Amino acid sequence: MSDIHTKQLENAHAFIKHLNALDWDSLADLLAPNFKHQYLPSTIIPPDGKDDRGKEDFVNNLKVTLENVFDKVTYLPPIDVIHGSNAVVFHLKSDGASKSGRKYNNEYMVTFHFDGEKIIKLNEFVDSKYSKDFFGALRAESS
C-alpha cells in the first residue's frame, strides 16, 4: 500500500475519532476546502433539509445535532472496512442516547473519497427506517 493510501485510511479513522470527541476543528482539518457531503439514500430527509452540503455547513450541522439533540453518541469501530484507490468505505454502528434518554443505535455505510490526504466527498448511508422512527419520536416528544 502506498504512503498516500495509508494516510487516507488513517484519516478516515481519524474522522471517526474526532467525531466521537466532538473535536470540530480537527475534523474540519481533514476535509478539503471544496468538500461535499450527502445523506443517502435519497429518500431520507436530512436534518438541515439540504440534499448536499459543503464543508462549513457539514461541520456546523454535525455540531448542532450532536451537541443539542444527543446526550452522547459514540461511533463504534468499523465492522467492515473497504479500502480502494482514493476511497475508504466503513460499515459501522453508533451507540448513544438523545438528551431525553431515547436510545440511539443507528447503522451506517460511510464512503470517504479523497484528493490526496484530504476528504473531498463523504456519502453517508443511514438506516433510513431507524432514522425516520427515531427523529419522528423525538419530534413527538417535543410537541
C-alpha atoms as a PDB file:
ATOM      1  CA  MET A   1       0.000   0.000   0.000  1.00  0.00           C
ATOM      2  CA  SER A   2       1.378   3.403  -0.945  1.00  0.00           C
ATOM      3  CA  ASP A   3       2.067   6.084   1.658  1.00  0.00           C
ATOM      4  CA  ILE A   4      -0.851   8.209   0.419  1.00  0.00           C
ATOM      5  CA  HIS A   5      -3.306   5.299   0.649  1.00  0.00           C
ATOM      6  CA  THR A   6      -2.086   4.521   4.160  1.00  0.00           C
ATOM      7  CA  LYS A   7      -2.646   8.170   5.136  1.00  0.00           C
ATOM      8  CA  GLN A   8      -6.140   8.124   3.610  1.00  0.00           C
ATOM      9  CA  LEU A   9      -7.088   5.110   5.725  1.00  0.00           C
ATOM     10  CA  GLU A  10      -5.607   6.797   8.804  1.00  0.00           C
ATOM     11  CA  ASN A  11      -7.601   9.958   8.063  1.00  0.00           C
ATOM     12  CA  ALA A  12     -10.869   8.030   7.698  1.00  0.00           C
ATOM     13  CA  HIS A  13     -10.274   6.531  11.145  1.00  0.00           C
ATOM     14  CA  ALA A  14      -9.238   9.962  12.480  1.00  0.00           C
ATOM     15  CA  PHE A  15     -12.546  11.382  11.208  1.00  0.00           C
ATOM     16  CA  ILE A  16     -14.466   8.953  13.451  1.00  0.00           C
ATOM     17  CA  LYS A  17     -12.113   9.660  16.367  1.00  0.00           C
ATOM     18  CA  HIS A  18     -12.632  13.438  16.073  1.00  0.00           C
ATOM     19  CA  LEU A  19     -16.384  12.972  15.619  1.00  0.00           C
ATOM     20  CA  ASN A  20     -16.570  10.978  18.859  1.00  0.00           C
ATOM     21  CA  ALA A  21     -14.511  13.615  20.674  1.00  0.00           C
ATOM     22  CA  LEU A  22     -16.649  16.467  19.262  1.00  0.00           C
ATOM     23  CA  ASP A  23     -13.349  17.956  18.081  1.00  0.00           C
ATOM     24  CA  TRP A  24     -14.744  20.085  15.259  1.00  0.00           C
ATOM     25  CA  ASP A  25     -11.525  21.891  14.317  1.00  0.00           C
ATOM     26  CA  SER A  26      -9.530  18.665  13.934  1.00  0.00           C
ATOM     27  CA  LEU A  27     -12.379  17.085  11.991  1.00  0.00           C
ATOM     28  CA  ALA A  28     -12.610  20.111   9.678  1.00  0.00           C
ATOM     29  CA  ASP A  29      -8.843  19.941   9.077  1.00  0.00           C
ATOM     30  CA  LEU A  30      -9.346  16.517   7.452  1.00  0.00           C
ATOM     31  CA  LEU A  31     -11.754  17.986   4.870  1.00  0.00           C
ATOM     32  CA  ALA A  32     -10.756  19.602   1.576  1.00  0.00           C
ATOM     33  CA  PRO A  33     -11.913  23.213   1.040  1.00  0.00           C
ATOM     34  CA  ASN A  34     -14.282  22.009  -1.719  1.00  0.00           C
ATOM     35  CA  PHE A  35     -15.615  19.107   0.399  1.00  0.00           C
ATOM     36  CA  LYS A  36     -19.166  17.846  -0.251  1.00  0.00           C
ATOM     37  CA  HIS A  37     -21.388  15.665   1.963  1.00  0.00           C
ATOM     38  CA  GLN A  38     -24.587  13.839   1.122  1.00  0.00           C
ATOM     39  CA  TYR A  39     -27.009  11.807   3.251  1.00  0.00           C
ATOM     40  CA  LEU A  40     -28.252   8.705   1.468  1.00  0.00           C
ATOM     41  CA  PRO A  41     -30.453   7.042   0.383  1.00  0.00           C
ATOM     42  CA  SER A  42     -32.064   9.937  -1.416  1.00  0.00           C
ATOM     43  CA  THR A  43     -35.404   9.250   0.315  1.00  0.00           C
ATOM     44  CA  ILE A  44     -34.004  10.333   3.709  1.00  0.00           C
ATOM     45  CA  ILE A  45     -34.833  13.855   4.829  1.00  0.00           C
ATOM     46  CA  PRO A  46     -31.597  15.371   6.163  1.00  0.00           C
ATOM     47  CA  PRO A  47     -31.724  17.331   9.444  1.00  0.00           C
ATOM     48  CA  ASP A  48     -30.910  20.564   7.615  1.00  0.00           C
ATOM     49  CA  GLY A  49     -33.187  19.789   4.649  1.00  0.00           C
ATOM     50  CA  LYS A  50     -30.336  20.067   2.116  1.00  0.00           C
ATOM     51  CA  ASP A  51     -29.547  17.407  -0.482  1.00  0.00           C
ATOM     52  CA  ASP A  52     -25.848  18.071  -0.037  1.00  0.00           C
ATOM     53  CA  ARG A  53     -23.681  20.450   1.919  1.00  0.00           C
ATOM     54  CA  GLY A  54     -20.213  21.929   1.818  1.00  0.00           C
ATOM     55  CA  LYS A  55     -17.531  21.807   4.469  1.00  0.00           C
ATOM     56  CA  GLU A  56     -18.809  24.590   6.745  1.00  0.00           C
ATOM     57  CA  ASP A  57     -22.465  23.506   6.592  1.00  0.00           C
ATOM     58  CA  PHE A  58     -21.493  19.878   7.205  1.00  0.00           C
ATOM     59  CA  VAL A  59     -19.374  20.607  10.281  1.00  0.00           C
ATOM     60  CA  ASN A  60     -21.982  23.033  11.670  1.00  0.00           C
ATOM     61  CA  ASN A  61     -24.781  20.508  11.110  1.00  0.00           C
ATOM     62  CA  LEU A  62     -22.808  17.817  12.948  1.00  0.00           C
ATOM     63  CA  LYS A  63     -22.032  20.198  15.793  1.00  0.00           C
ATOM     64  CA  VAL A  64     -25.635  21.356  16.257  1.00  0.00           C
ATOM     65  CA  THR A  65     -27.059  17.840  16.025  1.00  0.00           C
ATOM     66  CA  LEU A  66     -24.518  16.068  18.221  1.00  0.00           C
ATOM     67  CA  GLU A  67     -24.330  18.799  20.861  1.00  0.00           C
ATOM     68  CA  ASN A  68     -28.009  19.812  21.028  1.00  0.00           C
ATOM     69  CA  VAL A  69     -30.009  16.675  20.209  1.00  0.00           C
ATOM     70  CA  PHE A  70     -27.854  14.000  21.799  1.00  0.00           C
ATOM     71  CA  ASP A  71     -26.537  13.459  25.282  1.00  0.00           C
ATOM     72  CA  LYS A  72     -23.759  11.294  23.825  1.00  0.00           C
ATOM     73  CA  VAL A  73     -23.182   9.343  20.623  1.00  0.00           C
ATOM     74  CA  THR A  74     -20.228   7.054  20.041  1.00  0.00           C
ATOM     75  CA  TYR A  75     -19.482   5.835  16.550  1.00  0.00           C
ATOM     76  CA  LEU A  76     -18.162   2.335  17.119  1.00  0.00           C
ATOM     77  CA  PRO A  77     -15.125   0.859  15.353  1.00  0.00           C
ATOM     78  CA  PRO A  78     -15.983  -0.215  11.811  1.00  0.00           C
ATOM     79  CA  ILE A  79     -17.461  -3.666  11.345  1.00  0.00           C
ATOM     80  CA  ASP A  80     -16.057  -3.759   7.829  1.00  0.00           C
ATOM     81  CA  VAL A  81     -13.512  -1.597   6.007  1.00  0.00           C
ATOM     82  CA  ILE A  82     -13.055  -1.466   2.248  1.00  0.00           C
ATOM     83  CA  HIS A  83     -10.050   0.470   1.042  1.00  0.00           C
ATOM     84  CA  GLY A  84      -9.601   1.259  -2.624  1.00  0.00           C
ATOM     85  CA  SER A  85      -7.862   3.828  -4.748  1.00  0.00           C
ATOM     86  CA  ASN A  86      -8.658   7.221  -3.155  1.00  0.00           C
ATOM     87  CA  ALA A  87     -11.662   5.807  -1.292  1.00  0.00           C
ATOM     88  CA  VAL A  88     -12.406   4.176   2.059  1.00  0.00           C
ATOM     89  CA  VAL A  89     -15.757   2.632   3.000  1.00  0.00           C
ATOM     90  CA  PHE A  90     -16.775   1.943   6.605  1.00  0.00           C
ATOM     91  CA  HIS A  91     -19.728  -0.118   7.760  1.00  0.00           C
ATOM     92  CA  LEU A  92     -20.296   0.978  11.349  1.00  0.00           C
ATOM     93  CA  LYS A  93     -22.852   1.462  14.072  1.00  0.00           C
ATOM     94  CA  SER A  94     -23.486   4.094  16.713  1.00  0.00           C
ATOM     95  CA  ASP A  95     -24.301   3.787  20.379  1.00  0.00           C
ATOM     96  CA  GLY A  96     -25.856   6.727  22.137  1.00  0.00           C
ATOM     97  CA  ALA A  97     -28.874   8.484  23.536  1.00  0.00           C
ATOM     98  CA  SER A  98     -30.801  11.677  22.939  1.00  0.00           C
ATOM     99  CA  LYS A  99     -30.943  14.336  25.622  1.00  0.00           C
ATOM    100  CA  SER A 100     -34.383  12.917  26.546  1.00  0.00           C
ATOM    101  CA  GLY A 101     -32.828   9.476  27.111  1.00  0.00           C
ATOM    102  CA  ARG A 102     -34.047   7.798  23.926  1.00  0.00           C
ATOM    103  CA  LYS A 103     -31.500   5.166  22.818  1.00  0.00           C
ATOM    104  CA  TYR A 104     -29.779   5.851  19.510  1.00  0.00           C
ATOM    105  CA  ASN A 105     -28.230   2.848  17.778  1.00  0.00           C
ATOM    106  CA  ASN A 106     -28.108   3.585  14.060  1.00  0.00           C
ATOM    107  CA  GLU A 107     -26.195   1.786  11.312  1.00  0.00           C
ATOM    108  CA  TYR A 108     -24.152   3.399   8.545  1.00  0.00           C
ATOM    109  CA  MET A 109     -22.164   2.882   5.388  1.00  0.00           C
ATOM    110  CA  VAL A 110     -19.821   5.840   5.043  1.00  0.00           C
ATOM    111  CA  THR A 111     -17.863   6.348   1.838  1.00  0.00           C
ATOM    112  CA  PHE A 112     -14.880   8.679   2.098  1.00  0.00           C
ATOM    113  CA  HIS A 113     -13.475   9.962  -1.211  1.00  0.00           C
ATOM    114  CA  PHE A 114     -10.019  11.519  -1.149  1.00  0.00           C
ATOM    115  CA  ASP A 115      -7.982  14.043  -3.065  1.00  0.00           C
ATOM    116  CA  GLY A 116      -4.518  13.343  -1.707  1.00  0.00           C
ATOM    117  CA  GLU A 117      -4.807  13.198   2.088  1.00  0.00           C
ATOM    118  CA  LYS A 118      -7.950  15.340   2.303  1.00  0.00           C
ATOM    119  CA  ILE A 119     -11.514  14.042   2.300  1.00  0.00           C
ATOM    120  CA  ILE A 120     -13.166  15.641  -0.711  1.00  0.00           C
ATOM    121  CA  LYS A 121     -16.536  13.864  -0.543  1.00  0.00           C
ATOM    122  CA  LEU A 122     -18.416  11.857   2.060  1.00  0.00           C
ATOM    123  CA  ASN A 123     -21.527   9.846   1.292  1.00  0.00           C
ATOM    124  CA  GLU A 124     -23.350   8.785   4.447  1.00  0.00           C
ATOM    125  CA  PHE A 125     -25.876   5.985   4.072  1.00  0.00           C
ATOM    126  CA  VAL A 126     -28.041   5.595   7.166  1.00  0.00           C
ATOM    127  CA  ASP A 127     -30.668   3.106   8.239  1.00  0.00           C
ATOM    128  CA  SER A 128     -33.476   5.268   6.885  1.00  0.00           C
ATOM    129  CA  LYS A 129     -36.298   3.442   8.686  1.00  0.00           C
ATOM    130  CA  TYR A 130     -34.498   3.680  12.016  1.00  0.00           C
ATOM    131  CA  SER A 131     -33.662   7.359  11.443  1.00  0.00           C
ATOM    132  CA  LYS A 132     -37.251   8.227  10.474  1.00  0.00           C
ATOM    133  CA  ASP A 133     -38.657   6.436  13.532  1.00  0.00           C
ATOM    134  CA  PHE A 134     -36.061   7.884  15.930  1.00  0.00           C
ATOM    135  CA  PHE A 135     -36.327  11.516  14.816  1.00  0.00           C
ATOM    136  CA  GLY A 136     -40.103  11.243  14.444  1.00  0.00           C
ATOM    137  CA  ALA A 137     -40.338  10.094  18.070  1.00  0.00           C
ATOM    138  CA  LEU A 138     -38.097  12.984  19.176  1.00  0.00           C
ATOM    139  CA  ARG A 139     -40.334  15.472  17.365  1.00  0.00           C
ATOM    140  CA  ALA A 140     -43.402  13.917  19.022  1.00  0.00           C
ATOM    141  CA  GLU A 141     -41.736  14.212  22.472  1.00  0.00           C
ATOM    142  CA  SER A 142     -41.110  17.919  21.979  1.00  0.00           C
ATOM    143  CA  SER A 143     -44.689  18.661  20.833  1.00  0.00           C
END
